[in-house]
Amino acid sequence: MLDHLPLDTLSSVFAAWLLLAGISYWTHQQQLGLSRQMLIASVRAPLQLLVLALLLHWLFDIESPWAQAGIIAGFCILAGHTAAQHHQRIRHAWLASSFGLICACSLTLPWLVFSQALQADSRTLIPIGSMVAANGMNAIAIMFERLKTSPHHQPAITIKQGLHTAMIAPINTLKVVGLVHMPGIFVGMILAGSSVLAAISMQLIVLYMIVASSFTACVVSFLMMKHFDKGVAHT
């Protein structure tokens, strides 16, 4: 049975990848400019997961708070680079996005540890920090994309529209959790034998944290871009 497991796994992943390939082909036909990004990301994803699997035990054994902070900052820098690709000034946007994400982690994670909502160990902080970076990255990218399509002469309205658009996804997720969305942390804890209240509490902590950190990351990133170039910040 173990001999057939790798082949079965690969065939399952390939079946799922065919769905993405079909969508990628359609976007290429429609000239949406997304097919290349989809295909590259689909190849990178399994390689990145394999590397993570090899490093996971080492990451979870880290005890130094400074090392934990450094790894989470690394997440923020990589996520900031991805978000910056949605802005015309990529170098400045990368710095602004990374700084915004680091500020979001610095605001949420220490507070949750101080309030004893989270444990101060690598098994908790590193995965949670990656969630903050990933969700903040998506919010910043959406904000940058929205700012590019806004009028140049309405800066006050522009930032409000950018923040409003960026926060739609995390707020919608919070609205439908338990109704439409079956969050992974909640389901995983229930299947692992945790009590319902413990699973609910942890999932709510994560969802509240994501909304707060995504908003913080967007605001700080925008202010950084405004500092670099007030004119570019509203493009």
C-alpha atoms as a PDB file:
ATOM      1  CA  MET A   1       0.000   0.000   0.000  1.00  0.00           C
ATOM      2  CA  LEU A   2       2.853   2.359   0.811  1.00  0.00           C
ATOM      3  CA  ASP A   3       4.354   1.614  -2.601  1.00  0.00           C
ATOM      4  CA  HIS A   4       1.260   2.984  -4.314  1.00  0.00           C
ATOM      5  CA  LEU A   5       0.806   6.003  -2.017  1.00  0.00           C
ATOM      6  CA  PRO A   6       3.159   8.396  -3.860  1.00  0.00           C
ATOM      7  CA  LEU A   7       1.541   7.611  -7.239  1.00  0.00           C
ATOM      8  CA  ASP A   8      -1.952   8.051  -5.812  1.00  0.00           C
ATOM      9  CA  THR A   9      -0.945  11.337  -4.223  1.00  0.00           C
ATOM     10  CA  LEU A  10       0.612  12.649  -7.425  1.00  0.00           C
ATOM     11  CA  SER A  11      -2.416  11.692  -9.490  1.00  0.00           C
ATOM     12  CA  SER A  12      -4.720  13.461  -7.025  1.00  0.00           C
ATOM     13  CA  VAL A  13      -2.611  16.626  -7.118  1.00  0.00           C
ATOM     14  CA  PHE A  14      -2.427  16.457 -10.922  1.00  0.00           C
ATOM     15  CA  ALA A  15      -6.228  16.131 -11.145  1.00  0.00           C
ATOM     16  CA  ALA A  16      -6.601  19.286  -9.059  1.00  0.00           C
ATOM     17  CA  TRP A  17      -3.892  21.031 -11.114  1.00  0.00           C
ATOM     18  CA  LEU A  18      -5.824  20.323 -14.332  1.00  0.00           C
ATOM     19  CA  LEU A  19      -8.615  22.574 -13.021  1.00  0.00           C
ATOM     20  CA  LEU A  20      -6.101  25.402 -12.626  1.00  0.00           C
ATOM     21  CA  ALA A  21      -4.577  24.671 -16.038  1.00  0.00           C
ATOM     22  CA  GLY A  22      -7.987  24.914 -17.662  1.00  0.00           C
ATOM     23  CA  ILE A  23      -8.667  28.272 -16.028  1.00  0.00           C
ATOM     24  CA  SER A  24      -5.183  29.444 -16.987  1.00  0.00           C
ATOM     25  CA  TYR A  25      -5.803  28.540 -20.627  1.00  0.00           C
ATOM     26  CA  TRP A  26      -9.089  30.440 -20.623  1.00  0.00           C
ATOM     27  CA  THR A  27      -7.470  33.549 -19.123  1.00  0.00           C
ATOM     28  CA  HIS A  28      -4.770  33.315 -21.813  1.00  0.00           C
ATOM     29  CA  GLN A  29      -7.406  33.183 -24.542  1.00  0.00           C
ATOM     30  CA  GLN A  30      -9.133  36.211 -23.028  1.00  0.00           C
ATOM     31  CA  GLN A  31      -5.811  38.076 -22.646  1.00  0.00           C
ATOM     32  CA  LEU A  32      -6.384  38.786 -18.962  1.00  0.00           C
ATOM     33  CA  GLY A  33      -2.670  38.642 -18.145  1.00  0.00           C
ATOM     34  CA  LEU A  34      -3.132  36.031 -15.406  1.00  0.00           C
ATOM     35  CA  SER A  35      -2.184  32.720 -17.035  1.00  0.00           C
ATOM     36  CA  ARG A  36       1.585  33.088 -16.596  1.00  0.00           C
ATOM     37  CA  GLN A  37       1.215  34.052 -12.942  1.00  0.00           C
ATOM     38  CA  MET A  38      -1.105  31.104 -12.309  1.00  0.00           C
ATOM     39  CA  LEU A  39       1.222  28.557 -13.895  1.00  0.00           C
ATOM     40  CA  ILE A  40       4.348  29.864 -12.190  1.00  0.00           C
ATOM     41  CA  ALA A  41       2.586  29.925  -8.822  1.00  0.00           C
ATOM     42  CA  SER A  42       1.246  26.398  -9.363  1.00  0.00           C
ATOM     43  CA  VAL A  43       4.786  25.104  -9.897  1.00  0.00           C
ATOM     44  CA  ARG A  44       6.289  27.050  -7.013  1.00  0.00           C
ATOM     45  CA  ALA A  45       3.623  26.002  -4.501  1.00  0.00           C
ATOM     46  CA  PRO A  46       4.526  22.282  -4.224  1.00  0.00           C
ATOM     47  CA  LEU A  47       8.246  23.061  -4.079  1.00  0.00           C
ATOM     48  CA  GLN A  48       7.684  25.599  -1.315  1.00  0.00           C
ATOM     49  CA  LEU A  49       5.516  23.148   0.637  1.00  0.00           C
ATOM     50  CA  LEU A  50       8.179  20.442   0.340  1.00  0.00           C
ATOM     51  CA  VAL A  51      10.819  22.818   1.695  1.00  0.00           C
ATOM     52  CA  LEU A  52       8.486  23.827   4.519  1.00  0.00           C
ATOM     53  CA  ALA A  53       7.856  20.176   5.388  1.00  0.00           C
ATOM     54  CA  LEU A  54      11.618  19.604   5.670  1.00  0.00           C
ATOM     55  CA  LEU A  55      12.094  22.683   7.867  1.00  0.00           C
ATOM     56  CA  LEU A  56       8.970  22.355  10.006  1.00  0.00           C
ATOM     57  CA  HIS A  57      10.482  20.398  12.889  1.00  0.00           C
ATOM     58  CA  TRP A  58      13.466  22.747  13.019  1.00  0.00           C
ATOM     59  CA  LEU A  59      11.194  25.802  13.039  1.00  0.00           C
ATOM     60  CA  PHE A  60       9.016  24.427  15.822  1.00  0.00           C
ATOM     61  CA  ASP A  61      12.059  23.670  17.996  1.00  0.00           C
ATOM     62  CA  ILE A  62      13.173  27.316  18.027  1.00  0.00           C
ATOM     63  CA  GLU A  63      12.989  28.806  21.521  1.00  0.00           C
ATOM     64  CA  SER A  64      14.595  32.230  21.067  1.00  0.00           C
ATOM     65  CA  PRO A  65      12.008  35.053  20.819  1.00  0.00           C
ATOM     66  CA  TRP A  66      14.418  36.977  18.597  1.00  0.00           C
ATOM     67  CA  ALA A  67      14.692  34.050  16.201  1.00  0.00           C
ATOM     68  CA  GLN A  68      10.903  33.732  16.148  1.00  0.00           C
ATOM     69  CA  ALA A  69      10.605  37.443  15.402  1.00  0.00           C
ATOM     70  CA  GLY A  70      13.217  37.175  12.652  1.00  0.00           C
ATOM     71  CA  ILE A  71      11.374  34.343  10.920  1.00  0.00           C
ATOM     72  CA  ILE A  72       8.055  36.206  11.087  1.00  0.00           C
ATOM     73  CA  ALA A  73       9.781  39.342   9.753  1.00  0.00           C
ATOM     74  CA  GLY A  74      11.056  37.199   6.887  1.00  0.00           C
ATOM     75  CA  PHE A  75       7.471  36.156   6.145  1.00  0.00           C
ATOM     76  CA  CYS A  76       6.497  39.838   6.073  1.00  0.00           C
ATOM     77  CA  ILE A  77       9.314  40.789   3.690  1.00  0.00           C
ATOM     78  CA  LEU A  78       8.446  38.007   1.244  1.00  0.00           C
ATOM     79  CA  ALA A  79       4.731  38.822   1.472  1.00  0.00           C
ATOM     80  CA  GLY A  80       5.507  42.522   1.036  1.00  0.00           C
ATOM     81  CA  HIS A  81       7.339  41.782  -2.206  1.00  0.00           C
ATOM     82  CA  THR A  82       4.306  39.963  -3.593  1.00  0.00           C
ATOM     83  CA  ALA A  83       1.926  42.760  -2.573  1.00  0.00           C
ATOM     84  CA  ALA A  84       4.264  45.393  -4.054  1.00  0.00           C
ATOM     85  CA  GLN A  85       3.856  43.931  -7.528  1.00  0.00           C
ATOM     86  CA  HIS A  86       0.408  45.519  -7.608  1.00  0.00           C
ATOM     87  CA  HIS A  87       1.874  49.034  -7.328  1.00  0.00           C
ATOM     88  CA  GLN A  88       3.643  51.012 -10.031  1.00  0.00           C
ATOM     89  CA  ARG A  89       6.586  51.861  -7.759  1.00  0.00           C
ATOM     90  CA  ILE A  90       7.590  48.342  -6.771  1.00  0.00           C
ATOM     91  CA  ARG A  91      10.746  49.189  -4.795  1.00  0.00           C
ATOM     92  CA  HIS A  92       9.025  51.718  -2.555  1.00  0.00           C
ATOM     93  CA  ALA A  93       5.881  49.597  -2.368  1.00  0.00           C
ATOM     94  CA  TRP A  94       7.953  46.584  -1.251  1.00  0.00           C
ATOM     95  CA  LEU A  95       9.459  48.560   1.624  1.00  0.00           C
ATOM     96  CA  ALA A  96       6.098  50.064   2.556  1.00  0.00           C
ATOM     97  CA  SER A  97       4.273  46.724   2.421  1.00  0.00           C
ATOM     98  CA  SER A  98       6.942  44.909   4.419  1.00  0.00           C
ATOM     99  CA  PHE A  99       7.014  47.628   7.057  1.00  0.00           C
ATOM    100  CA  GLY A 100       3.208  47.622   7.240  1.00  0.00           C
ATOM    101  CA  LEU A 101       3.114  43.851   7.719  1.00  0.00           C
ATOM    102  CA  ILE A 102       5.847  43.940  10.360  1.00  0.00           C
ATOM    103  CA  CYS A 103       3.906  46.639  12.213  1.00  0.00           C
ATOM    104  CA  ALA A 104       0.740  44.512  11.999  1.00  0.00           C
ATOM    105  CA  CYS A 105       2.576  41.514  13.502  1.00  0.00           C
ATOM    106  CA  SER A 106       4.226  43.710  16.131  1.00  0.00           C
ATOM    107  CA  LEU A 107       0.829  45.056  17.176  1.00  0.00           C
ATOM    108  CA  THR A 108      -1.215  41.855  17.250  1.00  0.00           C
ATOM    109  CA  LEU A 109       1.098  39.018  18.257  1.00  0.00           C
ATOM    110  CA  PRO A 110       2.696  40.579  21.388  1.00  0.00           C
ATOM    111  CA  TRP A 111      -0.712  41.745  22.583  1.00  0.00           C
ATOM    112  CA  LEU A 112      -2.233  38.280  22.189  1.00  0.00           C
ATOM    113  CA  VAL A 113       0.744  36.713  23.992  1.00  0.00           C
ATOM    114  CA  PHE A 114       0.583  39.327  26.770  1.00  0.00           C
ATOM    115  CA  SER A 115      -3.146  38.736  27.205  1.00  0.00           C
ATOM    116  CA  GLN A 116      -2.446  34.957  27.239  1.00  0.00           C
ATOM    117  CA  ALA A 117      -4.689  34.403  24.237  1.00  0.00           C
ATOM    118  CA  LEU A 118      -1.711  32.740  22.497  1.00  0.00           C
ATOM    119  CA  GLN A 119       1.205  30.749  23.817  1.00  0.00           C
ATOM    120  CA  ALA A 120       4.671  32.200  23.313  1.00  0.00           C
ATOM    121  CA  ASP A 121       6.095  29.134  21.572  1.00  0.00           C
ATOM    122  CA  SER A 122       7.203  28.589  17.989  1.00  0.00           C
ATOM    123  CA  ARG A 123       4.474  26.019  17.262  1.00  0.00           C
ATOM    124  CA  THR A 124       1.928  28.785  17.844  1.00  0.00           C
ATOM    125  CA  LEU A 125       3.585  32.067  16.905  1.00  0.00           C
ATOM    126  CA  ILE A 126       5.248  31.067  13.628  1.00  0.00           C
ATOM    127  CA  PRO A 127       2.081  29.628  11.970  1.00  0.00           C
ATOM    128  CA  ILE A 128      -0.052  32.476  13.334  1.00  0.00           C
ATOM    129  CA  GLY A 129       2.530  35.013  12.148  1.00  0.00           C
ATOM    130  CA  SER A 130       2.406  33.481   8.674  1.00  0.00           C
ATOM    131  CA  MET A 131      -1.381  33.936   8.690  1.00  0.00           C
ATOM    132  CA  VAL A 132      -1.006  37.615   9.579  1.00  0.00           C
ATOM    133  CA  ALA A 133       1.542  38.114   6.788  1.00  0.00           C
ATOM    134  CA  ALA A 134      -0.499  36.233   4.166  1.00  0.00           C
ATOM    135  CA  ASN A 135      -3.818  37.911   4.907  1.00  0.00           C
ATOM    136  CA  GLY A 136      -2.206  41.326   5.245  1.00  0.00           C
ATOM    137  CA  MET A 137      -0.446  40.755   1.921  1.00  0.00           C
ATOM    138  CA  ASN A 138      -3.771  40.119   0.190  1.00  0.00           C
ATOM    139  CA  ALA A 139      -5.353  43.204   1.744  1.00  0.00           C
ATOM    140  CA  ILE A 140      -2.427  45.458   0.754  1.00  0.00           C
ATOM    141  CA  ALA A 141      -2.367  44.069  -2.792  1.00  0.00           C
ATOM    142  CA  ILE A 142      -6.092  44.763  -3.191  1.00  0.00           C
ATOM    143  CA  MET A 143      -5.640  48.269  -1.780  1.00  0.00           C
ATOM    144  CA  PHE A 144      -2.771  49.017  -4.185  1.00  0.00           C
ATOM    145  CA  GLU A 145      -4.812  47.712  -7.115  1.00  0.00           C
ATOM    146  CA  ARG A 146      -7.785  49.858  -6.070  1.00  0.00           C
ATOM    147  CA  LEU A 147      -5.633  52.967  -5.670  1.00  0.00           C
ATOM    148  CA  LYS A 148      -4.348  52.590  -9.240  1.00  0.00           C
ATOM    149  CA  THR A 149      -7.878  52.961 -10.605  1.00  0.00           C
ATOM    150  CA  SER A 150      -8.887  55.939  -8.417  1.00  0.00           C
ATOM    151  CA  PRO A 151      -8.930  59.591  -9.486  1.00  0.00           C
ATOM    152  CA  HIS A 152      -5.725  61.574  -8.865  1.00  0.00           C
ATOM    153  CA  HIS A 153      -7.567  64.603  -7.568  1.00  0.00           C
ATOM    154  CA  GLN A 154      -9.498  62.948  -4.720  1.00  0.00           C
ATOM    155  CA  PRO A 155      -6.852  61.720  -2.227  1.00  0.00           C
ATOM    156  CA  ALA A 156      -9.161  61.620   0.818  1.00  0.00           C
ATOM    157  CA  ILE A 157     -11.759  59.571  -1.007  1.00  0.00           C
ATOM    158  CA  THR A 158      -9.072  57.404  -2.594  1.00  0.00           C
ATOM    159  CA  ILE A 159      -7.598  56.065   0.645  1.00  0.00           C
ATOM    160  CA  LYS A 160     -11.072  55.429   2.053  1.00  0.00           C
ATOM    161  CA  GLN A 161     -12.038  53.497  -1.061  1.00  0.00           C
ATOM    162  CA  GLY A 162      -8.777  51.547  -1.006  1.00  0.00           C
ATOM    163  CA  LEU A 163      -9.186  50.525   2.632  1.00  0.00           C
ATOM    164  CA  HIS A 164     -12.862  49.705   2.155  1.00  0.00           C
ATOM    165  CA  THR A 165     -12.103  47.416  -0.793  1.00  0.00           C
ATOM    166  CA  ALA A 166      -9.146  45.762   0.947  1.00  0.00           C
ATOM    167  CA  MET A 167     -11.221  44.902   4.032  1.00  0.00           C
ATOM    168  CA  ILE A 168     -14.174  43.351   2.180  1.00  0.00           C
ATOM    169  CA  ALA A 169     -12.695  39.812   2.150  1.00  0.00           C
ATOM    170  CA  PRO A 170     -11.670  39.521   5.838  1.00  0.00           C
ATOM    171  CA  ILE A 171     -14.931  41.087   7.051  1.00  0.00           C
ATOM    172  CA  ASN A 172     -17.007  38.832   4.786  1.00  0.00           C
ATOM    173  CA  THR A 173     -15.151  35.795   6.145  1.00  0.00           C
ATOM    174  CA  LEU A 174     -15.960  36.915   9.681  1.00  0.00           C
ATOM    175  CA  LYS A 175     -19.629  37.351   8.728  1.00  0.00           C
ATOM    176  CA  VAL A 176     -20.119  33.851   7.338  1.00  0.00           C
ATOM    177  CA  VAL A 177     -17.862  31.806   9.625  1.00  0.00           C
ATOM    178  CA  GLY A 178     -19.847  28.802  10.804  1.00  0.00           C
ATOM    179  CA  LEU A 179     -22.539  29.403   8.164  1.00  0.00           C
ATOM    180  CA  VAL A 180     -20.659  29.121   4.873  1.00  0.00           C
ATOM    181  CA  HIS A 181     -17.006  29.043   5.864  1.00  0.00           C
ATOM    182  CA  MET A 182     -15.670  26.017   7.795  1.00  0.00           C
ATOM    183  CA  PRO A 183     -12.335  27.372   9.033  1.00  0.00           C
ATOM    184  CA  GLY A 184      -9.363  25.045   9.128  1.00  0.00           C
ATOM    185  CA  ILE A 185      -8.262  25.726  12.699  1.00  0.00           C
ATOM    186  CA  PHE A 186     -11.751  25.055  14.078  1.00  0.00           C
ATOM    187  CA  VAL A 187     -12.242  21.834  12.089  1.00  0.00           C
ATOM    188  CA  GLY A 188      -8.710  20.631  12.823  1.00  0.00           C
ATOM    189  CA  MET A 189      -9.061  21.131  16.567  1.00  0.00           C
ATOM    190  CA  ILE A 190     -12.446  19.382  16.636  1.00  0.00           C
ATOM    191  CA  LEU A 191     -11.057  16.405  14.707  1.00  0.00           C
ATOM    192  CA  ALA A 192      -8.040  16.321  17.038  1.00  0.00           C
ATOM    193  CA  GLY A 193     -10.355  15.913  20.020  1.00  0.00           C
ATOM    194  CA  SER A 194     -10.379  19.446  21.460  1.00  0.00           C
ATOM    195  CA  SER A 195     -13.499  20.778  23.106  1.00  0.00           C
ATOM    196  CA  VAL A 196     -15.923  22.816  21.022  1.00  0.00           C
ATOM    197  CA  LEU A 197     -15.400  25.917  23.158  1.00  0.00           C
ATOM    198  CA  ALA A 198     -11.611  25.679  22.819  1.00  0.00           C
ATOM    199  CA  ALA A 199     -11.892  25.349  19.029  1.00  0.00           C
ATOM    200  CA  ILE A 200     -14.327  28.265  18.798  1.00  0.00           C
ATOM    201  CA  SER A 201     -12.129  30.445  20.996  1.00  0.00           C
ATOM    202  CA  MET A 202      -8.974  29.808  18.971  1.00  0.00           C
ATOM    203  CA  GLN A 203     -10.741  30.378  15.651  1.00  0.00           C
ATOM    204  CA  LEU A 204     -12.273  33.652  16.843  1.00  0.00           C
ATOM    205  CA  ILE A 205      -8.884  34.837  18.108  1.00  0.00           C
ATOM    206  CA  VAL A 206      -7.389  34.192  14.668  1.00  0.00           C
ATOM    207  CA  LEU A 207     -10.254  35.836  12.765  1.00  0.00           C
ATOM    208  CA  TYR A 208     -10.288  38.951  14.966  1.00  0.00           C
ATOM    209  CA  MET A 209      -6.506  39.136  14.661  1.00  0.00           C
ATOM    210  CA  ILE A 210      -6.651  38.887  10.863  1.00  0.00           C
ATOM    211  CA  VAL A 211      -9.171  41.731  10.549  1.00  0.00           C
ATOM    212  CA  ALA A 212      -7.189  43.998  12.908  1.00  0.00           C
ATOM    213  CA  SER A 213      -3.780  43.162  11.419  1.00  0.00           C
ATOM    214  CA  SER A 214      -4.941  43.502   7.799  1.00  0.00           C
ATOM    215  CA  PHE A 215      -6.342  46.956   8.480  1.00  0.00           C
ATOM    216  CA  THR A 216      -3.174  47.990  10.314  1.00  0.00           C
ATOM    217  CA  ALA A 217      -0.951  46.726   7.505  1.00  0.00           C
ATOM    218  CA  CYS A 218      -2.950  48.650   4.895  1.00  0.00           C
ATOM    219  CA  VAL A 219      -2.912  51.932   6.821  1.00  0.00           C
ATOM    220  CA  VAL A 220       0.815  51.778   7.593  1.00  0.00           C
ATOM    221  CA  SER A 221       1.661  50.791   4.009  1.00  0.00           C
ATOM    222  CA  PHE A 222      -0.357  53.672   2.617  1.00  0.00           C
ATOM    223  CA  LEU A 223       1.255  56.180   4.976  1.00  0.00           C
ATOM    224  CA  MET A 224       4.707  54.895   4.014  1.00  0.00           C
ATOM    225  CA  MET A 225       3.929  55.305   0.314  1.00  0.00           C
ATOM    226  CA  LYS A 226       2.620  58.783   1.009  1.00  0.00           C
ATOM    227  CA  HIS A 227       5.879  59.562   2.779  1.00  0.00           C
ATOM    228  CA  PHE A 228       7.935  58.351  -0.194  1.00  0.00           C
ATOM    229  CA  ASP A 229       5.934  60.150  -2.820  1.00  0.00           C
ATOM    230  CA  LYS A 230       2.573  61.793  -2.139  1.00  0.00           C
ATOM    231  CA  GLY A 231       1.745  61.883  -5.804  1.00  0.00           C
ATOM    232  CA  VAL A 232       2.549  58.196  -6.401  1.00  0.00           C
ATOM    233  CA  ALA A 233       0.614  57.123  -3.289  1.00  0.00           C
ATOM    234  CA  HIS A 234      -2.684  58.021  -4.973  1.00  0.00           C
ATOM    235  CA  THR A 235      -2.007  56.344  -8.338  1.00  0.00           C
END
